[in-house]
PDB file of N, CA and C in Angstrom:
ATOM      1  N   MET A   1     -47.068 -16.478  50.495  1.00  0.00           N
ATOM      2  CA  MET A   1     -47.317 -15.348  51.451  1.00  0.00           C
ATOM      3  C   MET A   1     -46.492 -15.643  52.325  1.00  0.00           C
ATOM      4  N   ASP A   2     -45.858 -14.693  53.091  1.00  0.00           N
ATOM      5  CA  ASP A   2     -44.817 -14.828  54.252  1.00  0.00           C
ATOM      6  C   ASP A   2     -45.338 -14.924  55.752  1.00  0.00           C
ATOM      7  N   PHE A   3     -44.414 -15.442  56.766  1.00  0.00           N
ATOM      8  CA  PHE A   3     -45.014 -15.541  57.652  1.00  0.00           C
ATOM      9  C   PHE A   3     -45.379 -14.334  58.677  1.00  0.00           C
ATOM     10  N   GLY A   4     -45.346 -12.949  58.398  1.00  0.00           N
ATOM     11  CA  GLY A   4     -45.219 -12.002  58.781  1.00  0.00           C
ATOM     12  C   GLY A   4     -46.565 -11.592  58.532  1.00  0.00           C
ATOM     13  N   THR A   5     -47.113 -11.299  57.246  1.00  0.00           N
ATOM     14  CA  THR A   5     -48.253 -10.932  56.514  1.00  0.00           C
ATOM     15  C   THR A   5     -49.421 -11.931  57.216  1.00  0.00           C
ATOM     16  N   TYR A   6     -49.146 -13.516  57.332  1.00  0.00           N
ATOM     17  CA  TYR A   6     -50.053 -14.043  57.407  1.00  0.00           C
ATOM     18  C   TYR A   6     -50.291 -13.861  59.156  1.00  0.00           C
ATOM     19  N   ILE A   7     -49.344 -13.821  60.096  1.00  0.00           N
ATOM     20  CA  ILE A   7     -49.595 -13.604  61.255  1.00  0.00           C
ATOM     21  C   ILE A   7     -50.888 -12.020  61.503  1.00  0.00           C
ATOM     22  N   ARG A   8     -50.210 -11.501  60.730  1.00  0.00           N
ATOM     23  CA  ARG A   8     -50.995  -9.999  60.858  1.00  0.00           C
ATOM     24  C   ARG A   8     -52.329 -10.320  60.066  1.00  0.00           C
ATOM     25  N   GLY A   9     -52.746 -11.229  58.844  1.00  0.00           N
ATOM     26  CA  GLY A   9     -54.158 -11.266  58.909  1.00  0.00           C
ATOM     27  C   GLY A   9     -55.032 -11.925  59.364  1.00  0.00           C
ATOM     28  N   ARG A  10     -53.777 -12.973  60.344  1.00  0.00           N
ATOM     29  CA  ARG A  10     -55.119 -13.763  60.765  1.00  0.00           C
ATOM     30  C   ARG A  10     -55.383 -13.087  62.156  1.00  0.00           C
ATOM     31  N   ARG A  11     -54.364 -12.407  63.043  1.00  0.00           N
ATOM     32  CA  ARG A  11     -54.326 -11.723  63.865  1.00  0.00           C
ATOM     33  C   ARG A  11     -55.436 -10.528  64.093  1.00  0.00           C
ATOM     34  N   GLU A  12     -55.409  -9.627  62.762  1.00  0.00           N
ATOM     35  CA  GLU A  12     -56.833  -8.852  62.472  1.00  0.00           C
ATOM     36  C   GLU A  12     -58.034  -9.432  62.103  1.00  0.00           C
ATOM     37  N   ALA A  13     -57.980 -10.507  61.727  1.00  0.00           N
ATOM     38  CA  ALA A  13     -59.426 -11.914  61.172  1.00  0.00           C
ATOM     39  C   ALA A  13     -59.661 -11.703  62.893  1.00  0.00           C
ATOM     40  N   LEU A  14     -58.844 -12.076  63.967  1.00  0.00           N
ATOM     41  CA  LEU A  14     -59.556 -12.552  64.903  1.00  0.00           C
ATOM     42  C   LEU A  14     -59.843 -11.241  65.911  1.00  0.00           C
ATOM     43  N   LEU A  15     -59.214 -10.509  65.270  1.00  0.00           N
ATOM     44  CA  LEU A  15     -59.850  -8.440  66.396  1.00  0.00           C
ATOM     45  C   LEU A  15     -61.183  -8.790  65.868  1.00  0.00           C
ATOM     46  N   ALA A  16     -61.293  -8.618  64.181  1.00  0.00           N
ATOM     47  CA  ALA A  16     -62.900  -8.223  63.803  1.00  0.00           C
ATOM     48  C   ALA A  16     -63.764  -9.407  64.494  1.00  0.00           C
ATOM     49  N   GLU A  17     -63.502 -10.404  64.599  1.00  0.00           N
ATOM     50  CA  GLU A  17     -64.709 -11.207  65.062  1.00  0.00           C
ATOM     51  C   GLU A  17     -64.817 -10.928  66.645  1.00  0.00           C
ATOM     52  N   SER A  18     -63.593 -10.529  67.469  1.00  0.00           N
ATOM     53  CA  SER A  18     -63.587 -10.328  68.806  1.00  0.00           C
ATOM     54  C   SER A  18     -64.461  -8.809  69.223  1.00  0.00           C
ATOM     55  N   SER A  19     -64.097  -8.070  68.275  1.00  0.00           N
ATOM     56  CA  SER A  19     -64.541  -6.281  68.688  1.00  0.00           C
ATOM     57  C   SER A  19     -65.780  -6.702  68.488  1.00  0.00           C
ATOM     58  N   GLN A  20     -66.532  -7.544  67.995  1.00  0.00           N
ATOM     59  CA  GLN A  20     -67.904  -7.474  67.565  1.00  0.00           C
ATOM     60  C   GLN A  20     -68.557  -7.610  68.958  1.00  0.00           C
ATOM     61  N   ALA A  21     -67.399  -8.399  69.623  1.00  0.00           N
ATOM     62  CA  ALA A  21     -68.066  -9.235  70.936  1.00  0.00           C
ATOM     63  C   ALA A  21     -67.540  -7.953  71.938  1.00  0.00           C
ATOM     64  N   GLY A  22     -67.071  -6.582  71.975  1.00  0.00           N
ATOM     65  CA  GLY A  22     -66.365  -6.106  72.667  1.00  0.00           C
ATOM     66  C   GLY A  22     -65.133  -6.025  73.246  1.00  0.00           C
ATOM     67  N   ALA A  23     -64.387  -7.221  73.086  1.00  0.00           N
ATOM     68  CA  ALA A  23     -63.247  -7.746  73.567  1.00  0.00           C
ATOM     69  C   ALA A  23     -62.017  -7.306  72.458  1.00  0.00           C
ATOM     70  N   PRO A  24     -61.340  -6.250  72.275  1.00  0.00           N
ATOM     71  CA  PRO A  24     -59.887  -6.522  71.357  1.00  0.00           C
ATOM     72  C   PRO A  24     -59.342  -7.309  71.828  1.00  0.00           C
ATOM     73  N   GLU A  25     -58.648  -8.289  72.320  1.00  0.00           N
ATOM     74  CA  GLU A  25     -57.743  -9.229  72.527  1.00  0.00           C
ATOM     75  C   GLU A  25     -56.903  -9.513  71.921  1.00  0.00           C
ATOM     76  N   PHE A  26     -57.333  -9.190  69.978  1.00  0.00           N
ATOM     77  CA  PHE A  26     -56.314  -9.608  69.216  1.00  0.00           C
ATOM     78  C   PHE A  26     -55.656  -8.395  68.429  1.00  0.00           C
ATOM     79  N   SER A  27     -55.780  -7.208  69.290  1.00  0.00           N
ATOM     80  CA  SER A  27     -55.156  -5.994  68.742  1.00  0.00           C
ATOM     81  C   SER A  27     -53.961  -6.333  68.817  1.00  0.00           C
ATOM     82  N   LEU A  28     -53.026  -5.475  68.189  1.00  0.00           N
ATOM     83  CA  LEU A  28     -51.767  -5.706  68.067  1.00  0.00           C
ATOM     84  C   LEU A  28     -51.149  -5.623  69.884  1.00  0.00           C
ATOM     85  N   ARG A  29     -51.600  -4.780  70.352  1.00  0.00           N
ATOM     86  CA  ARG A  29     -50.692  -4.553  72.023  1.00  0.00           C
ATOM     87  C   ARG A  29     -51.596  -5.749  72.816  1.00  0.00           C
ATOM     88  N   GLY A  30     -52.915  -6.525  72.430  1.00  0.00           N
ATOM     89  CA  GLY A  30     -53.221  -7.561  73.042  1.00  0.00           C
ATOM     90  C   GLY A  30     -52.593  -8.695  73.002  1.00  0.00           C
ATOM     91  N   VAL A  31     -52.183  -8.999  71.530  1.00  0.00           N
ATOM     92  CA  VAL A  31     -51.437 -10.220  71.092  1.00  0.00           C
ATOM     93  C   VAL A  31     -49.902 -10.104  72.079  1.00  0.00           C
ATOM     94  N   ALA A  32     -49.423  -8.732  72.068  1.00  0.00           N
ATOM     95  CA  ALA A  32     -48.293  -8.720  72.425  1.00  0.00           C
ATOM     96  C   ALA A  32     -48.040  -8.555  73.741  1.00  0.00           C
ATOM     97  N   ARG A  33     -49.024  -8.234  74.547  1.00  0.00           N
ATOM     98  CA  ARG A  33     -49.208  -8.563  76.361  1.00  0.00           C
ATOM     99  C   ARG A  33     -48.894  -9.832  76.550  1.00  0.00           C
ATOM    100  N   LYS A  34     -49.886 -10.986  75.323  1.00  0.00           N
ATOM    101  CA  LYS A  34     -50.180 -12.500  75.591  1.00  0.00           C
ATOM    102  C   LYS A  34     -48.518 -12.759  75.535  1.00  0.00           C
ATOM    103  N   LEU A  35     -48.027 -12.790  74.323  1.00  0.00           N
ATOM    104  CA  LEU A  35     -46.764 -12.685  73.936  1.00  0.00           C
ATOM    105  C   LEU A  35     -45.411 -12.116  74.911  1.00  0.00           C
ATOM    106  N   GLU A  36     -45.431 -11.076  75.973  1.00  0.00           N
ATOM    107  CA  GLU A  36     -44.637 -10.842  76.996  1.00  0.00           C
ATOM    108  C   GLU A  36     -43.902 -10.444  76.253  1.00  0.00           C
ATOM    109  N   VAL A  37     -44.290  -9.277  75.117  1.00  0.00           N
ATOM    110  CA  VAL A  37     -43.018  -8.741  74.632  1.00  0.00           C
ATOM    111  C   VAL A  37     -43.673  -7.191  73.831  1.00  0.00           C
ATOM    112  N   GLU A  38     -42.670  -6.156  73.667  1.00  0.00           N
ATOM    113  CA  GLU A  38     -43.567  -5.390  73.085  1.00  0.00           C
ATOM    114  C   GLU A  38     -44.285  -5.140  72.132  1.00  0.00           C
ATOM    115  N   ALA A  39     -45.246  -4.093  72.048  1.00  0.00           N
ATOM    116  CA  ALA A  39     -46.381  -4.274  70.306  1.00  0.00           C
ATOM    117  C   ALA A  39     -45.054  -3.720  69.545  1.00  0.00           C
ATOM    118  N   SER A  40     -44.060  -2.923  69.705  1.00  0.00           N
ATOM    119  CA  SER A  40     -43.096  -2.853  68.528  1.00  0.00           C
ATOM    120  C   SER A  40     -42.480  -3.843  67.721  1.00  0.00           C
ATOM    121  N   HIS A  41     -42.406  -4.562  68.940  1.00  0.00           N
ATOM    122  CA  HIS A  41     -41.675  -6.191  68.572  1.00  0.00           C
ATOM    123  C   HIS A  41     -42.396  -7.073  67.515  1.00  0.00           C
ATOM    124  N   LEU A  42     -43.512  -7.082  68.201  1.00  0.00           N
ATOM    125  CA  LEU A  42     -44.492  -7.823  67.485  1.00  0.00           C
ATOM    126  C   LEU A  42     -44.951  -7.210  65.988  1.00  0.00           C
ATOM    127  N   SER A  43     -44.877  -5.958  65.728  1.00  0.00           N
ATOM    128  CA  SER A  43     -45.061  -5.084  64.767  1.00  0.00           C
ATOM    129  C   SER A  43     -44.142  -5.522  63.928  1.00  0.00           C
ATOM    130  N   LYS A  44     -42.511  -5.798  64.118  1.00  0.00           N
ATOM    131  CA  LYS A  44     -41.692  -5.950  63.345  1.00  0.00           C
ATOM    132  C   LYS A  44     -41.788  -6.859  62.940  1.00  0.00           C
ATOM    133  N   ILE A  45     -42.130  -8.384  63.447  1.00  0.00           N
ATOM    134  CA  ILE A  45     -42.368  -9.326  63.054  1.00  0.00           C
ATOM    135  C   ILE A  45     -43.583  -9.568  62.198  1.00  0.00           C
ATOM    136  N   GLU A  46     -44.836  -8.802  62.215  1.00  0.00           N
ATOM    137  CA  GLU A  46     -45.533  -8.716  61.044  1.00  0.00           C
ATOM    138  C   GLU A  46     -45.231  -8.217  59.736  1.00  0.00           C
ATOM    139  N   LEU A  47     -44.360  -7.018  60.129  1.00  0.00           N
ATOM    140  CA  LEU A  47     -43.723  -6.289  58.881  1.00  0.00           C
ATOM    141  C   LEU A  47     -42.394  -7.381  58.172  1.00  0.00           C
ATOM    142  N   GLY A  48     -41.683  -8.253  59.120  1.00  0.00           N
ATOM    143  CA  GLY A  48     -41.080  -9.238  58.482  1.00  0.00           C
ATOM    144  C   GLY A  48     -39.547  -8.132  58.629  1.00  0.00           C
ATOM    145  N   LYS A  49     -39.320  -7.437  59.621  1.00  0.00           N
ATOM    146  CA  LYS A  49     -38.356  -6.801  59.651  1.00  0.00           C
ATOM    147  C   LYS A  49     -37.357  -7.727  61.089  1.00  0.00           C
ATOM    148  N   VAL A  50     -38.228  -8.652  61.629  1.00  0.00           N
ATOM    149  CA  VAL A  50     -37.919  -8.913  62.786  1.00  0.00           C
ATOM    150  C   VAL A  50     -37.640 -10.816  62.483  1.00  0.00           C
ATOM    151  N   GLN A  51     -37.686 -12.021  62.819  1.00  0.00           N
ATOM    152  CA  GLN A  51     -37.670 -13.218  62.745  1.00  0.00           C
ATOM    153  C   GLN A  51     -38.043 -13.813  64.088  1.00  0.00           C
ATOM    154  N   ALA A  52     -39.069 -14.221  63.985  1.00  0.00           N
ATOM    155  CA  ALA A  52     -39.563 -15.218  65.663  1.00  0.00           C
ATOM    156  C   ALA A  52     -38.760 -16.353  65.503  1.00  0.00           C
ATOM    157  N   SER A  53     -38.478 -16.088  66.985  1.00  0.00           N
ATOM    158  CA  SER A  53     -37.983 -17.521  67.494  1.00  0.00           C
ATOM    159  C   SER A  53     -38.958 -18.801  67.096  1.00  0.00           C
ATOM    160  N   ASP A  54     -38.067 -19.787  67.444  1.00  0.00           N
ATOM    161  CA  ASP A  54     -39.808 -20.677  67.465  1.00  0.00           C
ATOM    162  C   ASP A  54     -40.661 -20.966  68.379  1.00  0.00           C
ATOM    163  N   GLU A  55     -39.790 -20.527  69.819  1.00  0.00           N
ATOM    164  CA  GLU A  55     -41.058 -20.442  70.842  1.00  0.00           C
ATOM    165  C   GLU A  55     -42.036 -19.415  70.567  1.00  0.00           C
ATOM    166  N   MET A  56     -41.435 -18.103  70.161  1.00  0.00           N
ATOM    167  CA  MET A  56     -42.614 -17.249  69.637  1.00  0.00           C
ATOM    168  C   MET A  56     -43.728 -17.952  68.643  1.00  0.00           C
ATOM    169  N   VAL A  57     -43.172 -18.521  67.856  1.00  0.00           N
ATOM    170  CA  VAL A  57     -43.758 -19.271  66.565  1.00  0.00           C
ATOM    171  C   VAL A  57     -45.064 -20.134  67.711  1.00  0.00           C
ATOM    172  N   ALA A  58     -44.250 -20.848  68.182  1.00  0.00           N
ATOM    173  CA  ALA A  58     -45.055 -21.680  68.934  1.00  0.00           C
ATOM    174  C   ALA A  58     -46.304 -20.734  69.954  1.00  0.00           C
ATOM    175  N   LYS A  59     -46.105 -20.084  70.772  1.00  0.00           N
ATOM    176  CA  LYS A  59     -46.943 -19.040  71.260  1.00  0.00           C
ATOM    177  C   LYS A  59     -48.060 -18.625  70.631  1.00  0.00           C
ATOM    178  N   LEU A  60     -47.265 -17.874  68.846  1.00  0.00           N
ATOM    179  CA  LEU A  60     -48.038 -17.269  68.248  1.00  0.00           C
ATOM    180  C   LEU A  60     -49.250 -18.354  67.639  1.00  0.00           C
ATOM    181  N   ALA A  61     -48.964 -19.602  67.555  1.00  0.00           N
ATOM    182  CA  ALA A  61     -49.924 -20.826  67.360  1.00  0.00           C
ATOM    183  C   ALA A  61     -51.059 -20.596  68.283  1.00  0.00           C
ATOM    184  N   GLU A  62     -50.639 -21.161  69.274  1.00  0.00           N
ATOM    185  CA  GLU A  62     -51.676 -21.125  70.480  1.00  0.00           C
ATOM    186  C   GLU A  62     -52.633 -19.621  70.810  1.00  0.00           C
ATOM    187  N   ILE A  63     -51.830 -18.708  70.663  1.00  0.00           N
ATOM    188  CA  ILE A  63     -52.777 -17.398  70.561  1.00  0.00           C
ATOM    189  C   ILE A  63     -53.698 -17.005  69.726  1.00  0.00           C
ATOM    190  N   LEU A  64     -53.628 -17.711  68.397  1.00  0.00           N
ATOM    191  CA  LEU A  64     -54.174 -17.333  67.197  1.00  0.00           C
ATOM    192  C   LEU A  64     -54.731 -18.616  67.102  1.00  0.00           C
ATOM    193  N   GLY A  65     -54.862 -19.678  67.520  1.00  0.00           N
ATOM    194  CA  GLY A  65     -55.538 -20.513  66.612  1.00  0.00           C
ATOM    195  C   GLY A  65     -54.604 -21.299  65.747  1.00  0.00           C
ATOM    196  N   GLU A  66     -53.504 -21.296  65.824  1.00  0.00           N
ATOM    197  CA  GLU A  66     -53.185 -22.187  64.273  1.00  0.00           C
ATOM    198  C   GLU A  66     -52.060 -23.279  64.305  1.00  0.00           C
ATOM    199  N   ASP A  67     -52.095 -24.085  63.445  1.00  0.00           N
ATOM    200  CA  ASP A  67     -51.295 -25.070  63.485  1.00  0.00           C
ATOM    201  C   ASP A  67     -49.356 -24.740  63.572  1.00  0.00           C
ATOM    202  N   PHE A  68     -49.178 -25.043  64.553  1.00  0.00           N
ATOM    203  CA  PHE A  68     -47.151 -24.882  64.726  1.00  0.00           C
ATOM    204  C   PHE A  68     -46.523 -25.246  63.746  1.00  0.00           C
ATOM    205  N   ASP A  69     -46.714 -26.584  62.955  1.00  0.00           N
ATOM    206  CA  ASP A  69     -45.599 -26.969  61.962  1.00  0.00           C
ATOM    207  C   ASP A  69     -46.165 -25.766  60.667  1.00  0.00           C
ATOM    208  N   THR A  70     -47.397 -25.401  60.167  1.00  0.00           N
ATOM    209  CA  THR A  70     -47.613 -24.671  59.194  1.00  0.00           C
ATOM    210  C   THR A  70     -46.951 -23.270  59.582  1.00  0.00           C
ATOM    211  N   LEU A  71     -47.366 -22.913  60.800  1.00  0.00           N
ATOM    212  CA  LEU A  71     -46.254 -21.557  61.259  1.00  0.00           C
ATOM    213  C   LEU A  71     -44.930 -21.349  61.005  1.00  0.00           C
ATOM    214  N   MET A  72     -44.396 -22.757  61.338  1.00  0.00           N
ATOM    215  CA  MET A  72     -42.839 -22.877  61.368  1.00  0.00           C
ATOM    216  C   MET A  72     -42.379 -22.849  59.772  1.00  0.00           C
ATOM    217  N   LEU A  73     -43.387 -23.502  59.214  1.00  0.00           N
ATOM    218  CA  LEU A  73     -42.858 -23.544  57.463  1.00  0.00           C
ATOM    219  C   LEU A  73     -42.714 -21.999  56.810  1.00  0.00           C
ATOM    220  N   LEU A  74     -43.900 -21.267  57.392  1.00  0.00           N
ATOM    221  CA  LEU A  74     -44.097 -19.862  57.011  1.00  0.00           C
ATOM    222  C   LEU A  74     -43.097 -19.173  56.927  1.00  0.00           C
ATOM    223  N   ALA A  75     -42.167 -19.240  58.199  1.00  0.00           N
ATOM    224  CA  ALA A  75     -41.352 -18.921  58.863  1.00  0.00           C
ATOM    225  C   ALA A  75     -39.994 -19.609  58.140  1.00  0.00           C
ATOM    226  N   GLY A  76     -40.033 -19.743  57.297  1.00  0.00           N
ATOM    227  CA  GLY A  76     -39.048 -20.511  56.767  1.00  0.00           C
ATOM    228  C   GLY A  76     -38.181 -21.830  57.491  1.00  0.00           C
ATOM    229  N   ARG A  77     -38.565 -22.499  58.355  1.00  0.00           N
ATOM    230  CA  ARG A  77     -38.433 -23.433  59.286  1.00  0.00           C
ATOM    231  C   ARG A  77     -38.805 -25.060  59.487  1.00  0.00           C
ATOM    232  N   VAL A  78     -38.575 -25.833  59.603  1.00  0.00           N
ATOM    233  CA  VAL A  78     -39.300 -27.131  59.534  1.00  0.00           C
ATOM    234  C   VAL A  78     -39.527 -27.720  61.471  1.00  0.00           C
ATOM    235  N   SER A  79     -40.437 -27.571  61.840  1.00  0.00           N
ATOM    236  CA  SER A  79     -40.805 -28.200  63.194  1.00  0.00           C
ATOM    237  C   SER A  79     -39.838 -28.971  63.427  1.00  0.00           C
ATOM    238  N   PRO A  80     -39.539 -29.400  64.810  1.00  0.00           N
ATOM    239  CA  PRO A  80     -38.526 -30.418  65.575  1.00  0.00           C
ATOM    240  C   PRO A  80     -39.756 -31.883  64.653  1.00  0.00           C
ATOM    241  N   GLN A  81     -40.660 -31.834  65.251  1.00  0.00           N
ATOM    242  CA  GLN A  81     -41.613 -32.997  65.118  1.00  0.00           C
ATOM    243  C   GLN A  81     -41.490 -33.557  63.388  1.00  0.00           C
ATOM    244  N   LEU A  82     -41.698 -32.492  62.545  1.00  0.00           N
ATOM    245  CA  LEU A  82     -41.841 -32.665  61.423  1.00  0.00           C
ATOM    246  C   LEU A  82     -40.507 -33.497  60.738  1.00  0.00           C
ATOM    247  N   LYS A  83     -39.404 -32.504  61.083  1.00  0.00           N
ATOM    248  CA  LYS A  83     -37.950 -32.998  60.564  1.00  0.00           C
ATOM    249  C   LYS A  83     -37.702 -34.504  61.077  1.00  0.00           C
ATOM    250  N   GLN A  84     -37.874 -34.795  62.048  1.00  0.00           N
ATOM    251  CA  GLN A  84     -38.086 -36.357  62.178  1.00  0.00           C
ATOM    252  C   GLN A  84     -38.987 -37.336  61.401  1.00  0.00           C
ATOM    253  N   ILE A  85     -39.852 -37.161  61.623  1.00  0.00           N
ATOM    254  CA  ILE A  85     -40.890 -37.620  60.599  1.00  0.00           C
ATOM    255  C   ILE A  85     -40.348 -37.485  59.220  1.00  0.00           C
ATOM    256  N   VAL A  86     -39.830 -36.433  58.633  1.00  0.00           N
ATOM    257  CA  VAL A  86     -39.344 -36.608  57.354  1.00  0.00           C
ATOM    258  C   VAL A  86     -37.844 -37.151  57.182  1.00  0.00           C
ATOM    259  N   SER A  87     -37.092 -37.008  58.672  1.00  0.00           N
ATOM    260  CA  SER A  87     -35.973 -37.744  58.410  1.00  0.00           C
ATOM    261  C   SER A  87     -36.087 -39.393  58.549  1.00  0.00           C
ATOM    262  N   ALA A  88     -37.227 -39.716  58.920  1.00  0.00           N
ATOM    263  CA  ALA A  88     -37.178 -41.433  58.930  1.00  0.00           C
ATOM    264  C   ALA A  88     -37.006 -41.840  57.493  1.00  0.00           C
ATOM    265  N   ARG A  89     -37.418 -40.829  56.489  1.00  0.00           N
ATOM    266  CA  ARG A  89     -37.449 -41.980  55.265  1.00  0.00           C
ATOM    267  C   ARG A  89     -37.422 -40.511  54.193  1.00  0.00           C
ATOM    268  N   PRO A  90     -36.497 -39.940  54.311  1.00  0.00           N
ATOM    269  CA  PRO A  90     -35.969 -38.742  53.409  1.00  0.00           C
ATOM    270  C   PRO A  90     -36.160 -38.539  51.882  1.00  0.00           C
ATOM    271  N   LYS A  91     -35.735 -39.615  51.439  1.00  0.00           N
ATOM    272  CA  LYS A  91     -35.798 -39.755  49.967  1.00  0.00           C
ATOM    273  C   LYS A  91     -37.233 -40.177  49.589  1.00  0.00           C
ATOM    274  N   LEU A  92     -37.983 -40.983  50.320  1.00  0.00           N
ATOM    275  CA  LEU A  92     -39.505 -40.810  49.714  1.00  0.00           C
ATOM    276  C   LEU A  92     -40.164 -39.595  49.855  1.00  0.00           C
ATOM    277  N   PHE A  93     -39.965 -38.816  51.056  1.00  0.00           N
ATOM    278  CA  PHE A  93     -40.750 -37.479  51.523  1.00  0.00           C
ATOM    279  C   PHE A  93     -40.100 -36.688  50.428  1.00  0.00           C
ATOM    280  N   ALA A  94     -39.117 -36.569  49.547  1.00  0.00           N
ATOM    281  CA  ALA A  94     -38.109 -35.600  48.996  1.00  0.00           C
ATOM    282  C   ALA A  94     -39.150 -35.598  47.728  1.00  0.00           C
ATOM    283  N   GLU A  95     -39.315 -37.226  47.104  1.00  0.00           N
ATOM    284  CA  GLU A  95     -39.935 -37.727  46.048  1.00  0.00           C
ATOM    285  C   GLU A  95     -41.039 -36.972  46.036  1.00  0.00           C
ATOM    286  N   LEU A  96     -42.220 -37.234  47.317  1.00  0.00           N
ATOM    287  CA  LEU A  96     -43.460 -36.919  47.613  1.00  0.00           C
ATOM    288  C   LEU A  96     -43.655 -35.461  47.141  1.00  0.00           C
ATOM    289  N   ILE A  97     -42.936 -34.803  47.779  1.00  0.00           N
ATOM    290  CA  ILE A  97     -43.288 -33.468  47.996  1.00  0.00           C
ATOM    291  C   ILE A  97     -42.616 -32.758  46.732  1.00  0.00           C
ATOM    292  N   ARG A  98     -41.768 -33.493  45.799  1.00  0.00           N
ATOM    293  CA  ARG A  98     -41.897 -32.724  44.484  1.00  0.00           C
ATOM    294  C   ARG A  98     -42.693 -33.074  43.702  1.00  0.00           C
ATOM    295  N   GLN A  99     -43.581 -34.459  43.603  1.00  0.00           N
ATOM    296  CA  GLN A  99     -44.509 -35.282  42.605  1.00  0.00           C
ATOM    297  C   GLN A  99     -45.679 -34.045  43.103  1.00  0.00           C
ATOM    298  N   LEU A 100     -46.032 -33.512  44.485  1.00  0.00           N
ATOM    299  CA  LEU A 100     -47.095 -33.031  44.593  1.00  0.00           C
ATOM    300  C   LEU A 100     -47.220 -31.383  44.345  1.00  0.00           C
ATOM    301  N   ARG A 101     -45.833 -31.029  43.989  1.00  0.00           N
ATOM    302  CA  ARG A 101     -45.627 -29.436  43.859  1.00  0.00           C
ATOM    303  C   ARG A 101     -46.725 -28.785  42.972  1.00  0.00           C
ATOM    304  N   ASN A 102     -47.073 -29.577  41.884  1.00  0.00           N
ATOM    305  CA  ASN A 102     -47.900 -28.974  40.882  1.00  0.00           C
ATOM    306  C   ASN A 102     -49.416 -29.373  41.149  1.00  0.00           C
ATOM    307  N   ALA A 103     -49.941 -30.269  41.893  1.00  0.00           N
ATOM    308  CA  ALA A 103     -51.029 -30.935  42.086  1.00  0.00           C
ATOM    309  C   ALA A 103     -51.807 -29.901  42.558  1.00  0.00           C
ATOM    310  N   PRO A 104     -52.906 -29.986  42.017  1.00  0.00           N
ATOM    311  CA  PRO A 104     -53.768 -28.723  42.275  1.00  0.00           C
ATOM    312  C   PRO A 104     -54.436 -29.335  43.858  1.00  0.00           C
ATOM    313  N   ASP A 105     -54.670 -28.430  44.880  1.00  0.00           N
ATOM    314  CA  ASP A 105     -55.434 -28.218  45.913  1.00  0.00           C
ATOM    315  C   ASP A 105     -56.221 -29.386  46.469  1.00  0.00           C
ATOM    316  N   LYS A 106     -57.267 -29.719  45.740  1.00  0.00           N
ATOM    317  CA  LYS A 106     -57.790 -30.659  46.071  1.00  0.00           C
ATOM    318  C   LYS A 106     -57.370 -32.164  45.938  1.00  0.00           C
ATOM    319  N   ALA A 107     -56.633 -32.250  44.957  1.00  0.00           N
ATOM    320  CA  ALA A 107     -55.612 -33.391  44.669  1.00  0.00           C
ATOM    321  C   ALA A 107     -54.905 -34.329  46.374  1.00  0.00           C
ATOM    322  N   ILE A 108     -54.415 -32.975  45.945  1.00  0.00           N
ATOM    323  CA  ILE A 108     -53.741 -33.121  47.798  1.00  0.00           C
ATOM    324  C   ILE A 108     -54.179 -33.260  48.859  1.00  0.00           C
ATOM    325  N   LEU A 109     -55.512 -32.391  49.093  1.00  0.00           N
ATOM    326  CA  LEU A 109     -56.674 -32.566  50.175  1.00  0.00           C
ATOM    327  C   LEU A 109     -56.940 -34.216  50.284  1.00  0.00           C
ATOM    328  N   ARG A 110     -57.581 -34.581  48.598  1.00  0.00           N
ATOM    329  CA  ARG A 110     -57.841 -35.676  49.045  1.00  0.00           C
ATOM    330  C   ARG A 110     -56.900 -36.929  49.090  1.00  0.00           C
ATOM    331  N   LEU A 111     -55.808 -37.035  48.748  1.00  0.00           N
ATOM    332  CA  LEU A 111     -54.735 -37.720  49.372  1.00  0.00           C
ATOM    333  C   LEU A 111     -54.442 -37.825  50.765  1.00  0.00           C
ATOM    334  N   VAL A 112     -54.295 -36.441  51.342  1.00  0.00           N
ATOM    335  CA  VAL A 112     -54.315 -36.551  53.104  1.00  0.00           C
ATOM    336  C   VAL A 112     -55.871 -37.375  53.661  1.00  0.00           C
ATOM    337  N   ARG A 113     -56.804 -37.098  53.011  1.00  0.00           N
ATOM    338  CA  ARG A 113     -57.990 -37.707  53.223  1.00  0.00           C
ATOM    339  C   ARG A 113     -57.585 -39.125  53.434  1.00  0.00           C
ATOM    340  N   GLU A 114     -57.604 -39.257  52.500  1.00  0.00           N
ATOM    341  CA  GLU A 114     -57.350 -41.006  52.036  1.00  0.00           C
ATOM    342  C   GLU A 114     -55.981 -41.869  53.280  1.00  0.00           C
ATOM    343  N   VAL A 115     -55.029 -40.970  53.329  1.00  0.00           N
ATOM    344  CA  VAL A 115     -53.821 -41.602  54.261  1.00  0.00           C
ATOM    345  C   VAL A 115     -54.398 -41.135  55.484  1.00  0.00           C
ATOM    346  N   ARG A 116     -55.174 -40.361  56.104  1.00  0.00           N
ATOM    347  CA  ARG A 116     -55.622 -39.657  57.467  1.00  0.00           C
ATOM    348  C   ARG A 116     -56.548 -41.138  57.737  1.00  0.00           C
ATOM    349  N   ASP A 117     -57.791 -41.310  56.846  1.00  0.00           N
ATOM    350  CA  ASP A 117     -58.676 -42.538  56.992  1.00  0.00           C
ATOM    351  C   ASP A 117     -58.067 -43.686  56.693  1.00  0.00           C
ATOM    352  N   GLY A 118     -56.822 -44.295  56.304  1.00  0.00           N
ATOM    353  CA  GLY A 118     -56.546 -45.195  55.801  1.00  0.00           C
ATOM    354  C   GLY A 118     -56.727 -46.097  54.867  1.00  0.00           C
ATOM    355  N   GLN A 119     -57.073 -45.400  53.682  1.00  0.00           N
ATOM    356  CA  GLN A 119     -58.323 -45.660  52.805  1.00  0.00           C
ATOM    357  C   GLN A 119     -57.343 -45.814  51.606  1.00  0.00           C
ATOM    358  N   TRP A 120     -55.876 -46.665  51.612  1.00  0.00           N
ATOM    359  CA  TRP A 120     -55.315 -47.016  50.515  1.00  0.00           C
ATOM    360  C   TRP A 120     -54.855 -48.294  49.998  1.00  0.00           C
TER     361      TRP A 120
END
């Protein structure tokens, strides 16, 4: 999934939830207002016609309740924090990613939980 499609889907899902409460804060115009951009600019980002800046990605992550690193990767970029982490051990992380490329999601989730919980 590309960045714009993901952003639009997340915004529309939040809009559907918030509309039930009578507050369409996640409409295209509502989110654009929070971003301090024109609705047409946000629409172009969602359609993949314009690339979002790192600052815009950070604001979208905050507004939509999403992870900044994940959105940056969807936008085709690596966040400064992830870049720093991977740069400390580039060979190991490159090999890890290659090995996980075809692993099923449940195997990757199990690995993440083991690392997070310190159970290695």
